[in-house]
N, C-alpha and C. Protein backbone atom coordinates (compact mmCIF):
# COMPACT_ATOMS: atom_id res chain seq x y z
N HIS A 1 13.42 -22.34 -10.72
CA HIS A 1 13.37 -22.75 -9.32
C HIS A 1 12.15 -22.12 -8.67
N ARG A 2 11.36 -22.92 -8.04
CA ARG A 2 10.08 -22.49 -7.47
C ARG A 2 10.25 -21.36 -6.44
N THR A 3 11.29 -21.43 -5.63
CA THR A 3 11.54 -20.41 -4.61
C THR A 3 11.77 -19.04 -5.26
N ALA A 4 12.58 -19.01 -6.32
CA ALA A 4 12.85 -17.75 -7.01
C ALA A 4 11.57 -17.20 -7.64
N LEU A 5 10.75 -18.07 -8.18
CA LEU A 5 9.49 -17.63 -8.79
C LEU A 5 8.53 -17.05 -7.76
N LYS A 6 8.48 -17.64 -6.58
CA LYS A 6 7.64 -17.10 -5.50
C LYS A 6 8.15 -15.72 -5.08
N ALA A 7 9.46 -15.61 -4.95
CA ALA A 7 10.07 -14.33 -4.56
C ALA A 7 9.79 -13.28 -5.63
N GLU A 8 9.90 -13.67 -6.89
CA GLU A 8 9.65 -12.75 -8.00
C GLU A 8 8.20 -12.26 -7.96
N ARG A 9 7.27 -13.12 -7.67
CA ARG A 9 5.86 -12.74 -7.57
C ARG A 9 5.65 -11.71 -6.47
N MET A 10 6.32 -11.93 -5.33
CA MET A 10 6.22 -10.98 -4.22
C MET A 10 6.75 -9.60 -4.64
N LEU A 11 7.86 -9.59 -5.36
CA LEU A 11 8.43 -8.32 -5.81
C LEU A 11 7.49 -7.59 -6.76
N VAL A 12 6.96 -8.31 -7.73
CA VAL A 12 6.07 -7.70 -8.72
C VAL A 12 4.81 -7.17 -8.04
N ASN A 13 4.31 -7.89 -7.05
CA ASN A 13 3.10 -7.45 -6.35
C ASN A 13 3.34 -6.26 -5.44
N SER A 14 4.59 -5.91 -5.21
CA SER A 14 4.88 -4.79 -4.31
C SER A 14 5.53 -3.60 -5.01
N LEU A 15 5.40 -3.52 -6.33
CA LEU A 15 6.05 -2.45 -7.09
C LEU A 15 5.63 -1.05 -6.64
N THR A 16 4.41 -0.90 -6.18
CA THR A 16 3.94 0.43 -5.77
C THR A 16 3.80 0.57 -4.26
N THR A 17 4.18 -0.47 -3.53
CA THR A 17 4.05 -0.40 -2.07
C THR A 17 5.40 -0.42 -1.35
N GLY A 18 6.48 -0.52 -2.09
CA GLY A 18 7.81 -0.50 -1.49
C GLY A 18 8.46 -1.87 -1.48
N PHE A 19 9.77 -1.86 -1.56
CA PHE A 19 10.56 -3.10 -1.55
C PHE A 19 10.35 -3.80 -0.21
N PRO A 20 9.88 -5.04 -0.23
CA PRO A 20 9.55 -5.72 1.03
C PRO A 20 10.75 -6.10 1.89
N GLY A 21 11.93 -6.15 1.31
CA GLY A 21 13.13 -6.53 2.06
C GLY A 21 13.46 -7.99 1.89
N ILE A 22 14.72 -8.26 1.81
CA ILE A 22 15.20 -9.63 1.56
C ILE A 22 14.82 -10.56 2.70
N GLU A 23 14.94 -10.07 3.94
CA GLU A 23 14.64 -10.93 5.09
C GLU A 23 13.18 -11.38 5.08
N LEU A 24 12.26 -10.45 4.80
CA LEU A 24 10.84 -10.81 4.76
C LEU A 24 10.55 -11.78 3.62
N ILE A 25 11.10 -11.51 2.46
CA ILE A 25 10.89 -12.41 1.32
C ILE A 25 11.43 -13.79 1.64
N ALA A 26 12.64 -13.85 2.20
CA ALA A 26 13.24 -15.14 2.56
C ALA A 26 12.36 -15.90 3.54
N GLU A 27 11.84 -15.19 4.52
CA GLU A 27 10.95 -15.81 5.50
C GLU A 27 9.70 -16.36 4.82
N MET A 28 9.14 -15.60 3.91
CA MET A 28 7.90 -16.01 3.23
C MET A 28 8.12 -17.22 2.32
N VAL A 29 9.29 -17.31 1.71
CA VAL A 29 9.55 -18.46 0.82
C VAL A 29 10.33 -19.57 1.52
N ARG A 30 10.59 -19.36 2.80
CA ARG A 30 11.18 -20.37 3.69
C ARG A 30 12.58 -20.83 3.29
N VAL A 31 13.44 -19.83 3.02
CA VAL A 31 14.87 -20.12 2.83
C VAL A 31 15.65 -19.00 3.53
N SER A 32 16.92 -19.20 3.70
CA SER A 32 17.75 -18.16 4.32
C SER A 32 17.92 -17.01 3.32
N PRO A 33 18.16 -15.81 3.83
CA PRO A 33 18.40 -14.68 2.92
C PRO A 33 19.56 -14.93 1.96
N THR A 34 20.62 -15.56 2.43
CA THR A 34 21.77 -15.84 1.58
C THR A 34 21.40 -16.78 0.45
N LYS A 35 20.67 -17.84 0.77
CA LYS A 35 20.25 -18.81 -0.26
C LYS A 35 19.29 -18.14 -1.25
N LEU A 36 18.38 -17.32 -0.74
CA LEU A 36 17.44 -16.62 -1.61
C LEU A 36 18.18 -15.75 -2.61
N LYS A 37 19.14 -14.96 -2.12
CA LYS A 37 19.90 -14.07 -3.01
C LYS A 37 20.59 -14.87 -4.11
N SER A 38 21.17 -15.98 -3.73
CA SER A 38 21.88 -16.83 -4.68
C SER A 38 20.93 -17.44 -5.72
N ILE A 39 19.85 -18.03 -5.26
CA ILE A 39 18.87 -18.66 -6.16
C ILE A 39 18.28 -17.62 -7.11
N PHE A 40 17.94 -16.47 -6.58
CA PHE A 40 17.30 -15.43 -7.38
C PHE A 40 18.25 -14.93 -8.47
N LYS A 41 19.50 -14.69 -8.10
CA LYS A 41 20.49 -14.18 -9.06
C LYS A 41 20.71 -15.19 -10.19
N ILE A 42 20.75 -16.47 -9.86
CA ILE A 42 20.91 -17.52 -10.88
C ILE A 42 19.70 -17.52 -11.81
N GLN A 43 18.51 -17.46 -11.25
CA GLN A 43 17.27 -17.53 -12.03
C GLN A 43 17.03 -16.29 -12.90
N PHE A 44 17.25 -15.10 -12.34
CA PHE A 44 16.87 -13.87 -13.03
C PHE A 44 18.04 -12.99 -13.48
N GLY A 45 19.26 -13.31 -13.05
CA GLY A 45 20.43 -12.57 -13.51
C GLY A 45 20.67 -11.24 -12.82
N ASN A 46 19.83 -10.89 -11.86
CA ASN A 46 19.96 -9.65 -11.09
C ASN A 46 19.73 -9.94 -9.62
N SER A 47 20.16 -9.01 -8.79
CA SER A 47 19.80 -9.11 -7.38
C SER A 47 18.31 -8.83 -7.26
N LEU A 48 17.74 -9.16 -6.12
CA LEU A 48 16.32 -8.90 -5.91
C LEU A 48 16.00 -7.42 -6.07
N TYR A 49 16.82 -6.56 -5.47
CA TYR A 49 16.53 -5.14 -5.54
C TYR A 49 16.71 -4.58 -6.95
N GLN A 50 17.74 -5.03 -7.67
CA GLN A 50 17.93 -4.59 -9.05
C GLN A 50 16.74 -5.00 -9.91
N TYR A 51 16.27 -6.22 -9.71
CA TYR A 51 15.12 -6.72 -10.45
C TYR A 51 13.89 -5.88 -10.14
N TYR A 52 13.70 -5.59 -8.85
CA TYR A 52 12.57 -4.79 -8.39
C TYR A 52 12.59 -3.41 -9.04
N GLN A 53 13.74 -2.75 -9.02
CA GLN A 53 13.86 -1.42 -9.61
C GLN A 53 13.61 -1.45 -11.12
N GLU A 54 14.12 -2.48 -11.77
CA GLU A 54 13.92 -2.59 -13.22
C GLU A 54 12.43 -2.72 -13.54
N LYS A 55 11.73 -3.56 -12.80
CA LYS A 55 10.29 -3.73 -13.03
C LYS A 55 9.53 -2.44 -12.73
N GLN A 56 9.96 -1.70 -11.71
CA GLN A 56 9.33 -0.41 -11.41
C GLN A 56 9.47 0.54 -12.60
N MET A 57 10.66 0.61 -13.16
CA MET A 57 10.90 1.54 -14.26
C MET A 57 10.10 1.14 -15.51
N ILE A 58 9.96 -0.15 -15.74
CA ILE A 58 9.16 -0.61 -16.89
C ILE A 58 7.70 -0.21 -16.69
N LEU A 59 7.19 -0.37 -15.48
CA LEU A 59 5.81 0.04 -15.19
C LEU A 59 5.68 1.56 -15.27
N ALA A 60 6.68 2.28 -14.78
CA ALA A 60 6.66 3.74 -14.85
C ALA A 60 6.59 4.20 -16.30
N LYS A 61 7.34 3.55 -17.17
CA LYS A 61 7.32 3.90 -18.59
C LYS A 61 5.91 3.73 -19.16
N GLU A 62 5.24 2.68 -18.75
CA GLU A 62 3.85 2.47 -19.19
C GLU A 62 2.94 3.57 -18.66
N LEU A 63 3.11 3.92 -17.38
CA LEU A 63 2.27 4.95 -16.78
C LEU A 63 2.50 6.31 -17.44
N LEU A 64 3.70 6.55 -17.92
CA LEU A 64 4.00 7.83 -18.57
C LEU A 64 3.22 8.02 -19.87
N LYS A 65 2.72 6.92 -20.42
CA LYS A 65 1.91 7.02 -21.63
C LYS A 65 0.57 7.69 -21.34
N ASN A 66 0.18 7.69 -20.07
CA ASN A 66 -1.05 8.34 -19.65
C ASN A 66 -0.74 9.81 -19.39
N GLU A 67 -1.09 10.64 -20.34
CA GLU A 67 -0.75 12.07 -20.27
C GLU A 67 -1.38 12.78 -19.07
N SER A 68 -2.42 12.21 -18.47
CA SER A 68 -3.08 12.90 -17.36
C SER A 68 -2.32 12.74 -16.04
N LEU A 69 -1.35 11.85 -16.01
CA LEU A 69 -0.53 11.68 -14.80
C LEU A 69 0.73 12.53 -14.91
N SER A 70 1.02 13.26 -13.86
CA SER A 70 2.25 14.05 -13.86
C SER A 70 3.44 13.14 -13.51
N ILE A 71 4.62 13.59 -13.87
CA ILE A 71 5.82 12.82 -13.53
C ILE A 71 5.95 12.73 -12.02
N LYS A 72 5.61 13.79 -11.33
CA LYS A 72 5.66 13.78 -9.86
C LYS A 72 4.72 12.72 -9.29
N GLU A 73 3.50 12.61 -9.83
CA GLU A 73 2.56 11.59 -9.36
C GLU A 73 3.10 10.19 -9.60
N ILE A 74 3.70 9.98 -10.75
CA ILE A 74 4.26 8.67 -11.06
C ILE A 74 5.44 8.37 -10.14
N ALA A 75 6.29 9.36 -9.91
CA ALA A 75 7.42 9.19 -8.99
C ALA A 75 6.91 8.79 -7.60
N LEU A 76 5.89 9.48 -7.12
CA LEU A 76 5.32 9.17 -5.80
C LEU A 76 4.71 7.78 -5.76
N THR A 77 4.13 7.34 -6.87
CA THR A 77 3.55 5.99 -6.96
C THR A 77 4.58 4.93 -6.61
N PHE A 78 5.83 5.18 -6.98
CA PHE A 78 6.89 4.21 -6.74
C PHE A 78 7.75 4.54 -5.52
N GLY A 79 7.27 5.46 -4.70
CA GLY A 79 7.95 5.76 -3.45
C GLY A 79 9.08 6.76 -3.56
N TYR A 80 9.22 7.41 -4.70
CA TYR A 80 10.25 8.44 -4.86
C TYR A 80 9.66 9.76 -4.39
N GLU A 81 10.05 10.20 -3.21
CA GLU A 81 9.57 11.48 -2.72
C GLU A 81 10.29 12.63 -3.42
N ASN A 82 11.45 12.34 -3.96
CA ASN A 82 12.24 13.32 -4.68
C ASN A 82 12.15 12.98 -6.18
N GLN A 83 11.50 13.84 -6.93
CA GLN A 83 11.28 13.59 -8.36
C GLN A 83 12.59 13.45 -9.12
N SER A 84 13.63 14.16 -8.68
CA SER A 84 14.90 14.10 -9.40
C SER A 84 15.55 12.72 -9.27
N LYS A 85 15.34 12.04 -8.15
CA LYS A 85 15.87 10.67 -8.01
C LYS A 85 15.14 9.71 -8.95
N PHE A 86 13.83 9.90 -9.07
CA PHE A 86 13.06 9.10 -10.03
C PHE A 86 13.56 9.36 -11.45
N THR A 87 13.74 10.63 -11.78
CA THR A 87 14.21 11.01 -13.11
C THR A 87 15.57 10.37 -13.40
N ALA A 88 16.46 10.39 -12.42
CA ALA A 88 17.80 9.79 -12.60
C ALA A 88 17.70 8.28 -12.81
N ALA A 89 16.86 7.60 -12.03
CA ALA A 89 16.69 6.15 -12.18
C ALA A 89 16.09 5.82 -13.55
N PHE A 90 15.13 6.62 -13.98
CA PHE A 90 14.48 6.40 -15.27
C PHE A 90 15.49 6.60 -16.40
N LYS A 91 16.26 7.67 -16.30
CA LYS A 91 17.25 7.95 -17.35
C LYS A 91 18.32 6.86 -17.41
N LYS A 92 18.71 6.37 -16.26
CA LYS A 92 19.71 5.29 -16.22
C LYS A 92 19.19 4.05 -16.93
N LYS A 93 17.92 3.75 -16.74
CA LYS A 93 17.31 2.55 -17.35
C LYS A 93 17.07 2.72 -18.84
N PHE A 94 16.51 3.86 -19.24
CA PHE A 94 16.05 4.02 -20.62
C PHE A 94 16.88 4.99 -21.47
N GLY A 95 17.80 5.72 -20.85
CA GLY A 95 18.63 6.64 -21.60
C GLY A 95 17.92 7.91 -22.04
N LYS A 96 16.76 8.17 -21.44
CA LYS A 96 16.05 9.41 -21.73
C LYS A 96 15.28 9.84 -20.48
N LEU A 97 14.85 11.07 -20.49
CA LEU A 97 14.13 11.62 -19.35
C LEU A 97 12.66 11.20 -19.39
N PRO A 98 12.01 11.09 -18.22
CA PRO A 98 10.58 10.78 -18.22
C PRO A 98 9.75 11.82 -18.95
N SER A 99 10.24 13.05 -19.02
CA SER A 99 9.50 14.10 -19.72
C SER A 99 9.43 13.84 -21.24
N GLU A 100 10.32 12.98 -21.72
CA GLU A 100 10.26 12.54 -23.12
C GLU A 100 9.32 11.33 -23.18
N ARG A 101 8.05 11.56 -23.01
CA ARG A 101 7.05 10.52 -22.73
C ARG A 101 6.91 9.44 -23.80
N ASN A 102 7.34 9.64 -25.00
CA ASN A 102 7.10 8.61 -26.01
C ASN A 102 8.31 7.75 -26.27
């Protein structure tokens, strides 16, 4: 569905700038927030925010391969001011700590 794909593009483009919010995304793709949530869940199998967080963690995993970046810097990149919250989200997604870089 074209609407879900447009919304997905907006989410991916905002991985390091913060979740844009369902209302703003709905306005940009010209559907109601309720319809957007429904269409997106059917297309991608997750809510918009779950999808956004998952993509953030996948990108974070890639960034962790760069040994010159600290975990704190990577956490801040994704808007986590508290490194422990980033660590918890990462562990939930991948089953290991970000400090286990490989």
